[in-house]
C-alpha atoms as a PDB file:
ATOM      1  CA  MET A   1      -0.443  -0.079   0.041  1.00  0.00           C
ATOM      2  CA  ARG A   2       2.597   2.674   0.399  1.00  0.00           C
ATOM      3  CA  ALA A   3       4.418   1.739  -2.951  1.00  0.00           C
ATOM      4  CA  PHE A   4       1.225   2.289  -4.551  1.00  0.00           C
ATOM      5  CA  LEU A   5       1.093   5.517  -2.266  1.00  0.00           C
ATOM      6  CA  ILE A   6       4.399   6.606  -3.411  1.00  0.00           C
ATOM      7  CA  LEU A   7       3.748   5.971  -7.281  1.00  0.00           C
ATOM      8  CA  PHE A   8       0.474   7.843  -7.575  1.00  0.00           C
ATOM      9  CA  PHE A   9       2.381  11.573  -5.469  1.00  0.00           C
ATOM     10  CA  ALA A  10       5.116  10.816  -7.474  1.00  0.00           C
ATOM     11  CA  THR A  11       3.229  10.013 -11.118  1.00  0.00           C
ATOM     12  CA  LEU A  12       0.764  13.605  -9.773  1.00  0.00           C
ATOM     13  CA  SER A  13       3.796  15.671  -8.652  1.00  0.00           C
ATOM     14  CA  VAL A  14       4.859  15.176 -12.622  1.00  0.00           C
ATOM     15  CA  GLY A  15       1.640  16.358 -13.932  1.00  0.00           C
ATOM     16  CA  CYS A  16       1.475  18.906 -11.914  1.00  0.00           C
ATOM     17  CA  SER A  17       5.177  20.135 -12.509  1.00  0.00           C
ATOM     18  CA  SER A  18       4.579  19.569 -16.081  1.00  0.00           C
ATOM     19  CA  ARG A  19       1.231  21.903 -16.416  1.00  0.00           C
ATOM     20  CA  ASN A  20       3.422  24.050 -14.185  1.00  0.00           C
ATOM     21  CA  ALA A  21       5.799  24.493 -17.060  1.00  0.00           C
ATOM     22  CA  LEU A  22       3.713  25.397 -19.589  1.00  0.00           C
ATOM     23  CA  ASP A  23       2.157  27.675 -17.712  1.00  0.00           C
ATOM     24  CA  ARG A  24       5.903  29.367 -16.530  1.00  0.00           C
ATOM     25  CA  HIS A  25       6.313  29.553 -20.686  1.00  0.00           C
ATOM     26  CA  ILE A  26       3.312  30.625 -22.318  1.00  0.00           C
ATOM     27  CA  ASP A  27       3.758  33.628 -19.306  1.00  0.00           C
ATOM     28  CA  SER A  28       7.461  34.201 -20.765  1.00  0.00           C
ATOM     29  CA  ALA A  29       6.099  34.259 -23.928  1.00  0.00           C
ATOM     30  CA  TYR A  30       3.599  37.037 -23.254  1.00  0.00           C
ATOM     31  CA  ARG A  31       6.413  39.058 -21.334  1.00  0.00           C
ATOM     32  CA  TYR A  32       8.208  38.982 -24.356  1.00  0.00           C
ATOM     33  CA  TYR A  33       5.932  40.092 -26.003  1.00  0.00           C
ATOM     34  CA  GLU A  34       4.963  42.923 -24.121  1.00  0.00           C
ATOM     35  CA  GLN A  35       8.682  44.323 -24.161  1.00  0.00           C
ATOM     36  CA  GLY A  36       9.307  43.144 -28.492  1.00  0.00           C
ATOM     37  CA  ASP A  37      11.129  40.384 -28.299  1.00  0.00           C
ATOM     38  CA  CYS A  38       9.509  38.341 -30.818  1.00  0.00           C
ATOM     39  CA  GLY A  39      12.285  35.450 -30.827  1.00  0.00           C
ATOM     40  CA  LYS A  40      12.037  34.983 -27.680  1.00  0.00           C
ATOM     41  CA  VAL A  41       8.609  34.777 -27.429  1.00  0.00           C
ATOM     42  CA  VAL A  42       8.517  31.521 -30.374  1.00  0.00           C
ATOM     43  CA  LEU A  43      11.324  29.603 -28.447  1.00  0.00           C
ATOM     44  CA  GLU A  44       8.754  30.327 -25.249  1.00  0.00           C
ATOM     45  CA  LEU A  45       5.726  29.338 -27.415  1.00  0.00           C
ATOM     46  CA  SER A  46       7.946  26.559 -28.943  1.00  0.00           C
ATOM     47  CA  GLN A  47       8.370  24.743 -25.376  1.00  0.00           C
ATOM     48  CA  ALA A  48       4.399  25.896 -24.675  1.00  0.00           C
ATOM     49  CA  GLU A  49       3.726  23.821 -27.516  1.00  0.00           C
ATOM     50  CA  ARG A  50       5.862  20.498 -26.996  1.00  0.00           C
ATOM     51  CA  ARG A  51       4.290  20.090 -23.671  1.00  0.00           C
ATOM     52  CA  SER A  52       0.541  21.619 -24.626  1.00  0.00           C
ATOM     53  CA  ARG A  53       0.333  18.275 -27.457  1.00  0.00           C
ATOM     54  CA  PRO A  54      -2.169  15.865 -25.285  1.00  0.00           C
ATOM     55  CA  ARG A  55      -3.906  19.063 -24.249  1.00  0.00           C
ATOM     56  CA  ASP A  56      -5.701  20.476 -27.704  1.00  0.00           C
ATOM     57  CA  ASN A  57      -7.583  23.646 -25.687  1.00  0.00           C
ATOM     58  CA  LEU A  58      -4.335  25.812 -25.333  1.00  0.00           C
ATOM     59  CA  GLN A  59      -3.274  25.826 -29.214  1.00  0.00           C
ATOM     60  CA  PRO A  60      -5.446  28.681 -30.166  1.00  0.00           C
ATOM     61  CA  GLU A  61      -3.745  30.706 -27.249  1.00  0.00           C
ATOM     62  CA  ILE A  62      -0.389  29.952 -28.590  1.00  0.00           C
ATOM     63  CA  SER A  63      -1.777  30.410 -32.265  1.00  0.00           C
ATOM     64  CA  LEU A  64      -3.265  33.726 -31.291  1.00  0.00           C
ATOM     65  CA  LEU A  65       0.117  35.093 -29.918  1.00  0.00           C
ATOM     66  CA  ARG A  66       1.779  33.702 -32.677  1.00  0.00           C
ATOM     67  CA  GLY A  67       0.223  35.583 -35.244  1.00  0.00           C
ATOM     68  CA  GLN A  68       0.420  38.491 -32.841  1.00  0.00           C
ATOM     69  CA  CYS A  69       3.938  38.377 -32.969  1.00  0.00           C
ATOM     70  CA  LEU A  70       4.338  37.616 -37.129  1.00  0.00           C
ATOM     71  CA  GLU A  71       2.747  40.314 -37.607  1.00  0.00           C
ATOM     72  CA  ARG A  72       4.970  42.569 -35.482  1.00  0.00           C
ATOM     73  CA  GLN A  73       7.887  41.220 -37.449  1.00  0.00           C
ATOM     74  CA  GLY A  74       6.252  42.719 -40.243  1.00  0.00           C
ATOM     75  CA  LEU A  75       5.711  38.864 -41.874  1.00  0.00           C
ATOM     76  CA  PHE A  76       1.721  39.640 -42.318  1.00  0.00           C
ATOM     77  CA  VAL A  77       0.938  36.407 -44.736  1.00  0.00           C
ATOM     78  CA  ASP A  78       2.386  34.420 -41.637  1.00  0.00           C
ATOM     79  CA  ALA A  79       0.243  35.982 -39.516  1.00  0.00           C
ATOM     80  CA  VAL A  80      -2.927  36.134 -41.679  1.00  0.00           C
ATOM     81  CA  GLU A  81      -2.262  32.054 -42.758  1.00  0.00           C
ATOM     82  CA  THR A  82      -1.892  31.863 -38.396  1.00  0.00           C
ATOM     83  CA  TYR A  83      -5.697  33.269 -38.061  1.00  0.00           C
ATOM     84  CA  ARG A  84      -7.101  31.348 -40.069  1.00  0.00           C
ATOM     85  CA  PHE A  85      -5.539  28.230 -39.336  1.00  0.00           C
ATOM     86  CA  ILE A  86      -7.827  29.382 -36.022  1.00  0.00           C
ATOM     87  CA  LEU A  87     -10.426  30.421 -37.305  1.00  0.00           C
ATOM     88  CA  ALA A  88     -10.750  26.472 -39.490  1.00  0.00           C
ATOM     89  CA  ARG A  89      -9.656  24.674 -36.532  1.00  0.00           C
ATOM     90  CA  TYR A  90     -11.183  26.262 -33.464  1.00  0.00           C
ATOM     91  CA  PRO A  91     -14.382  28.581 -34.813  1.00  0.00           C
ATOM     92  CA  ALA A  92     -15.830  28.791 -31.086  1.00  0.00           C
ATOM     93  CA  SER A  93     -13.263  29.726 -29.256  1.00  0.00           C
ATOM     94  CA  GLU A  94     -12.902  33.404 -28.593  1.00  0.00           C
ATOM     95  CA  TYR A  95      -9.444  32.752 -30.255  1.00  0.00           C
ATOM     96  CA  ALA A  96     -11.441  32.622 -33.274  1.00  0.00           C
ATOM     97  CA  TYR A  97     -13.200  36.184 -32.441  1.00  0.00           C
ATOM     98  CA  ARG A  98     -10.610  38.301 -31.826  1.00  0.00           C
ATOM     99  CA  GLY A  99      -8.086  36.429 -34.802  1.00  0.00           C
ATOM    100  CA  ARG A 100     -11.105  37.503 -36.928  1.00  0.00           C
ATOM    101  CA  ALA A 101     -10.557  40.604 -35.986  1.00  0.00           C
ATOM    102  CA  ARG A 102      -7.134  40.465 -36.437  1.00  0.00           C
ATOM    103  CA  LEU A 103      -7.396  39.911 -40.124  1.00  0.00           C
ATOM    104  CA  GLU A 104     -10.228  42.309 -40.424  1.00  0.00           C
ATOM    105  CA  THR A 105      -7.521  44.917 -39.456  1.00  0.00           C
ATOM    106  CA  LEU A 106      -5.324  43.548 -41.764  1.00  0.00           C
ATOM    107  CA  ARG A 107      -7.446  44.169 -44.361  1.00  0.00           C
ATOM    108  CA  GLN A 108      -8.274  47.609 -43.247  1.00  0.00           C
ATOM    109  CA  LEU A 109      -4.283  48.581 -43.092  1.00  0.00           C
ATOM    110  CA  GLY A 110      -4.026  47.058 -46.956  1.00  0.00           C
ATOM    111  CA  HIS A 111      -2.167  43.670 -45.515  1.00  0.00           C
ATOM    112  CA  TYR A 112      -4.564  41.218 -46.549  1.00  0.00           C
ATOM    113  CA  GLN A 113      -7.164  41.069 -49.237  1.00  0.00           C
ATOM    114  CA  PRO A 114      -9.825  38.047 -48.088  1.00  0.00           C
ATOM    115  CA  ASP A 115     -10.673  37.717 -52.081  1.00  0.00           C
ATOM    116  CA  LYS A 116      -7.162  36.833 -53.671  1.00  0.00           C
ATOM    117  CA  PRO A 117      -5.627  33.753 -52.281  1.00  0.00           C
ATOM    118  CA  ALA A 118      -2.087  34.234 -49.897  1.00  0.00           C
ATOM    119  CA  ILE A 119      -0.184  32.120 -52.327  1.00  0.00           C
ATOM    120  CA  GLY A 120      -0.358  32.256 -55.844  1.00  0.00           C
ATOM    121  CA  PRO A 121      -0.212  30.059 -58.669  1.00  0.00           C
ATOM    122  CA  VAL A 122       2.489  27.666 -58.484  1.00  0.00           C
ATOM    123  CA  ALA A 123       5.452  27.678 -61.050  1.00  0.00           C
ATOM    124  CA  ARG A 124       5.807  24.398 -62.759  1.00  0.00           C
ATOM    125  CA  PRO A 125       9.480  23.496 -64.564  1.00  0.00           C
ATOM    126  CA  GLU A 126       9.360  23.109 -68.251  1.00  0.00           C
ATOM    127  CA  ARG A 127       9.215  19.494 -69.617  1.00  0.00           C
ATOM    128  CA  SER A 128      11.663  18.983 -72.663  1.00  0.00           C
END
């Protein structure tokens, strides 16, 4: 019985520390975003994604912050595709509403035209 309790508490502590580490990475990403350091934001978000794979509920938040950082870096096409990913995969989430608002802002600023595809036609090599 004692061995079972030790094993139970050891397993519980690993689960809690994993969740704490995930929260730390997301909190750090927000801090770095406030400081304008998108390189560190992307690193923290990548680490959070690796820890959150079993818990898909954090992906829209991670993706939204990544999209905002891409915008800040001037990578508007990447940001648009990130927001479109959120809308397609998590349409009922709060982050989908925020992603939709970001897309509208990018449209008003001239960085996004919903009528046009983000990527043009693929060039095919000529055959001889």
